[in-house]
Amino acid sequence: TEITFTATANPGYRVDTWAITGGAIQAGGQQGDATAKVKVTANTTVNVTFKPIVYTPVAYANLNTYLDAQPESGGIYYIEITDLMAIHVKGDYNSASPLGQILRSNKRKKVALKFGTMAHVTNMSYCFNGCTSLVQVSDIPNSVTDMYSCFRGCTKLDASAEYPK
């Protein structure tokens, strides 16, 4: 029998490790994976550990260089963007914002973004247009009033974005 186990972390945490006895991992179950498909052959114990998410602060001007230097590990890069301005987060129908274009040029690296402080931003339309490597976004500024198609084509979002209230 094969069973898929899903580990759901509390906010601010992520899956760290899986330990399975009495069965064999068929898929997933690696460090950072939210699921593990297990072939159960006897009494089976599944243990999952979680760890706090730690975001690496990266200035917007250095983001492309930072991502270029990271290996394509299959893991998620947790990045807090600093020095971000409104002009960096607005795109249009034909292209993502300048921030989104940086993510698109590093499409083989999964990224979870956390916004630092960003003054005077109201429009994030098409910001992440086509960013297939984006898996999570948090701390979107409360001043944002237009998010039209902000996540258009973001096929790997696996955690809910925290939208302004």
Protein backbone atom coordinates (compact mmCIF):
# COMPACT_ATOMS: atom_id res chain seq x y z
CA THR A 1 0.00 0.00 0.00
CA GLU A 2 1.26 3.50 -0.84
CA ILE A 3 0.21 6.46 1.29
CA THR A 4 1.07 10.12 0.78
CA PHE A 5 1.75 11.98 4.01
CA THR A 6 1.52 15.78 4.12
CA ALA A 7 3.28 17.88 6.74
CA THR A 8 1.80 21.32 7.34
CA ALA A 9 4.03 23.79 9.14
CA ASN A 10 2.73 26.57 11.35
CA PRO A 11 3.29 30.12 10.04
CA GLY A 12 6.95 31.07 10.26
CA TYR A 13 8.14 27.45 10.07
CA ARG A 14 8.97 24.98 7.33
CA VAL A 15 9.50 21.24 7.07
CA ASP A 16 13.02 20.25 8.02
CA THR A 17 13.40 16.45 8.00
CA TRP A 18 11.39 13.25 7.60
CA ALA A 19 12.14 10.01 9.46
CA ILE A 20 10.18 6.93 8.39
CA THR A 21 10.44 3.45 9.88
CA GLY A 22 8.50 0.43 8.71
CA GLY A 23 8.08 1.71 5.17
CA ALA A 24 10.03 2.95 2.17
CA ILE A 25 9.94 6.46 0.71
CA GLN A 26 8.78 6.36 -2.91
CA ALA A 27 8.72 10.12 -3.58
CA GLY A 28 9.34 13.33 -1.62
CA GLY A 29 10.29 12.98 2.01
CA GLN A 30 13.52 14.90 1.52
CA GLN A 31 14.63 17.88 3.56
CA GLY A 32 12.18 20.73 2.96
CA ASP A 33 9.54 18.59 1.18
CA ALA A 34 5.96 19.05 2.38
CA THR A 35 4.91 15.54 1.29
CA ALA A 36 6.27 12.02 1.39
CA LYS A 37 4.85 9.09 -0.56
CA VAL A 38 5.54 5.95 1.47
CA LYS A 39 5.18 2.28 0.61
CA VAL A 40 3.85 0.75 3.81
CA THR A 41 4.92 -2.85 4.42
CA ALA A 42 4.47 -3.09 8.21
CA ASN A 43 3.59 -0.89 11.17
CA THR A 44 4.96 2.46 10.07
CA THR A 45 6.08 5.49 12.05
CA VAL A 46 6.42 8.88 10.37
CA ASN A 47 8.21 11.70 12.17
CA VAL A 48 8.59 15.18 10.74
CA THR A 49 10.67 17.98 12.23
CA PHE A 50 10.12 21.65 11.54
CA LYS A 51 12.41 24.64 11.79
CA PRO A 52 11.90 28.40 11.77
CA ILE A 53 12.14 30.12 8.42
CA VAL A 54 15.15 32.41 8.29
CA TYR A 55 15.12 34.97 5.49
CA THR A 56 18.40 36.22 4.04
CA PRO A 57 18.31 40.02 3.62
CA VAL A 58 19.31 40.96 0.07
CA ALA A 59 19.27 44.49 -1.34
CA TYR A 60 17.21 44.79 -4.52
CA ALA A 61 20.28 46.06 -6.41
CA ASN A 62 22.14 42.84 -5.49
CA LEU A 63 19.31 40.34 -5.99
CA ASN A 64 20.28 39.13 -9.47
CA THR A 65 23.94 38.69 -8.44
CA TYR A 66 22.87 36.88 -5.25
CA LEU A 67 20.59 34.46 -7.11
CA ASP A 68 23.16 33.86 -9.86
CA ALA A 69 25.67 32.80 -7.20
CA GLN A 70 23.31 30.26 -5.58
CA PRO A 71 23.35 26.62 -6.71
CA GLU A 72 20.27 25.04 -8.25
CA SER A 73 19.72 22.90 -5.16
CA GLY A 74 16.05 22.12 -5.50
CA GLY A 75 15.56 23.80 -2.12
CA ILE A 76 13.86 27.11 -1.50
CA TYR A 77 15.77 30.38 -1.14
CA TYR A 78 14.11 32.54 1.53
CA ILE A 79 14.92 36.17 0.72
CA GLU A 80 13.89 39.42 2.37
CA ILE A 81 14.16 42.15 -0.25
CA THR A 82 15.56 45.44 1.06
CA ASP A 83 15.83 48.83 -0.66
CA LEU A 84 12.82 48.03 -2.85
CA MET A 85 10.94 50.92 -4.47
CA ALA A 86 7.54 51.18 -6.14
CA ILE A 87 9.09 51.24 -9.65
CA HIS A 88 10.52 47.76 -9.03
CA VAL A 89 7.15 46.04 -8.46
CA LYS A 90 4.87 47.20 -11.30
CA GLY A 91 4.74 45.25 -14.54
CA ASP A 92 2.33 45.11 -17.46
CA TYR A 93 0.53 42.54 -19.60
CA ASN A 94 3.64 41.86 -21.70
CA SER A 95 6.25 41.64 -18.95
CA ALA A 96 6.78 41.27 -15.25
CA SER A 97 8.03 44.11 -13.08
CA PRO A 98 11.80 44.62 -12.78
CA LEU A 99 11.67 42.47 -9.62
CA GLY A 100 9.72 39.79 -11.48
CA GLN A 101 12.18 39.88 -14.38
CA ILE A 102 15.03 39.07 -11.99
CA LEU A 103 13.09 36.05 -10.71
CA ARG A 104 12.25 34.96 -14.25
CA SER A 105 15.93 35.05 -15.22
CA ASN A 106 16.59 32.63 -12.34
CA LYS A 107 13.64 30.35 -13.05
CA ARG A 108 15.39 27.15 -11.92
CA LYS A 109 15.70 28.43 -8.34
CA LYS A 110 12.66 28.33 -6.04
CA VAL A 111 12.25 31.62 -4.19
CA ALA A 112 10.15 32.69 -1.21
CA LEU A 113 10.10 36.48 -0.91
CA LYS A 114 9.46 38.66 2.08
CA PHE A 115 9.04 42.35 1.45
CA GLY A 116 11.02 44.76 3.58
CA THR A 117 9.72 48.28 4.06
CA MET A 118 8.72 49.95 0.82
CA ALA A 119 7.32 53.46 0.90
CA HIS A 120 4.62 54.83 -1.37
CA VAL A 121 3.78 51.65 -3.26
CA THR A 122 0.15 51.24 -4.31
CA ASN A 123 0.36 49.32 -7.59
CA MET A 124 1.77 45.80 -7.94
CA SER A 125 -0.14 44.84 -11.07
CA TYR A 126 1.62 42.12 -13.08
CA CYS A 127 4.52 42.23 -10.59
CA PHE A 128 5.33 38.52 -10.79
CA ASN A 129 3.88 37.91 -14.27
CA GLY A 130 5.17 34.48 -15.36
CA CYS A 131 7.49 33.93 -12.39
CA THR A 132 7.37 30.14 -12.30
CA SER A 133 10.05 29.90 -9.59
CA LEU A 134 8.14 31.96 -7.02
CA VAL A 135 6.76 29.72 -4.27
CA GLN A 136 5.74 32.21 -1.56
CA VAL A 137 5.33 35.93 -0.89
CA SER A 138 4.87 37.54 2.51
CA ASP A 139 4.62 41.00 4.05
CA ILE A 140 3.14 42.76 1.02
CA PRO A 141 2.86 46.42 2.10
CA ASN A 142 -0.55 47.54 3.40
CA SER A 143 -0.44 50.56 1.06
CA VAL A 144 -0.92 48.32 -2.01
CA THR A 145 -4.36 48.82 -3.57
CA ASP A 146 -3.87 47.31 -7.05
CA MET A 147 -2.70 43.72 -7.42
CA TYR A 148 -4.35 43.01 -10.76
CA SER A 149 -2.72 39.89 -12.28
CA CYS A 150 0.11 40.21 -9.75
CA PHE A 151 0.59 36.43 -9.69
CA ARG A 152 -0.40 35.69 -13.31
CA GLY A 153 1.41 32.55 -14.47
CA CYS A 154 2.99 31.83 -11.07
CA THR A 155 2.57 28.07 -11.29
CA LYS A 156 4.64 27.07 -8.24
CA LEU A 157 3.00 29.16 -5.54
CA ASP A 158 2.45 26.58 -2.82
CA ALA A 159 1.86 28.89 0.12
CA SER A 160 -0.72 31.62 0.39
CA ALA A 161 0.48 35.14 -0.09
CA GLU A 162 -0.26 37.50 2.76
CA TYR A 163 -2.36 40.20 1.12
CA PRO A 164 -2.75 43.71 2.52
CA LYS A 165 -5.96 44.25 4.46
